[in-house]
């Protein structure tokens, strides 16, 4: 009997796919839950039990959190990648890792096809398809929801007819929890004038409900990556999880993002990303202290480009390795400590220090004085610095005089 491997989260869409594919293809369905963060051990056990109740032939759980951090998240931090200036590219990195894990299982068991629960209107279908076709062009891709074009309510109604009840919240919202943030789609996110209600959020409390006392913490960085909180060394995955938990208690990390989808239409989502937003803000401030002007300029330009390509399913383009090499180099001296203050949904960087700091009070104190040059030298610099502007203005004046004549 043929086998199809399904990327499975246990939510509405993948629950529907598990039953639909078995009925429509007659194949054995093997579900694979790729843990890219956001799941507790209890939740993973329930997902496995849920898959069993659906009658799948086999279920596997793959821990991909370290892969996601090492290969994707690390560069999102080094590049200060924020889609549209606000969204920390939470999902794009995960889908590539999930597709790779599903393809690996499919090859191990001799499956002829792989499946995902993406819709025809979203980015995820492109991410899964591009990764699968790149890694396993011989495999058939099954995407029932894309092919049917059903609404979430239609899926829910069909499942009820087959004896499977789905929670109301799952029908209304599509929620993706991962190491680098939680995204919330559906419901009010389709209206750019509306905000999701409090019950739509899962990872953070409302900012107004945060403690009345601020919390300060110190993040340690080495070569652009976080390595400690308050002096306690941690691996990357543990550090992000810990920061997510501590910051969520202050209502930090909520946001809304409107942007252009891969398909060329506008999309909107709500997100919760306490740790990622803090890390990127802290990294940016430390980076300012140790990088030259042009390092910062090109890091900002190429970092944004890297984040956009990852978000838009272009991880396997060779240019991504080129960009990673640049980000590694640009971050070679982004080492030091950053003090951060958390309060009522807000994040404030209150201090940075680094052995590679380019800010030297022995050379000059901005707005006060300098010991490395004289006043006459500063005057001469200002005269030369403005020379091009002065000459351009003279040229413009002559042109105006000639035109009026």
Foldseek 3Di string as FASTA:
>chain_A
DAEEEEADDQFLLSLLVQLVCCVPPVHAYEYEHEAQADDDPVSVVVSQVSSVVSPHPYYYYHDCNVVLCPPPVLLLQLLLAAVVVHHSLFVLSVLLSSLVVRVVVCVVVVHQAYEYRDALPALSVVQNVLNCCVVPVRHHYDHPRNVVVDQLVVSQVVVVVVVDHHDPLSSAWPWDDHLQWIKIDHDPQVPPVDDDDQVNDDQAHQLVQADPDKDKWKFWDALRATQDINPHGDPRSVVSVVQSNVQRSNVAAWDKDWDAGLVGDIGIIIIGGRSNVQSNVQLLVLLVFQADPVLNVVSNVLSNVLSVCSSNNNCPDVVNVVSVVSSSVSSNQSGWMWMWMGHSHDIDTDDTDGPRTPDDVQAHDPPPGGDVDDPVVVVVVVCVVCPVVVVVVVVVVVVVVVVVD
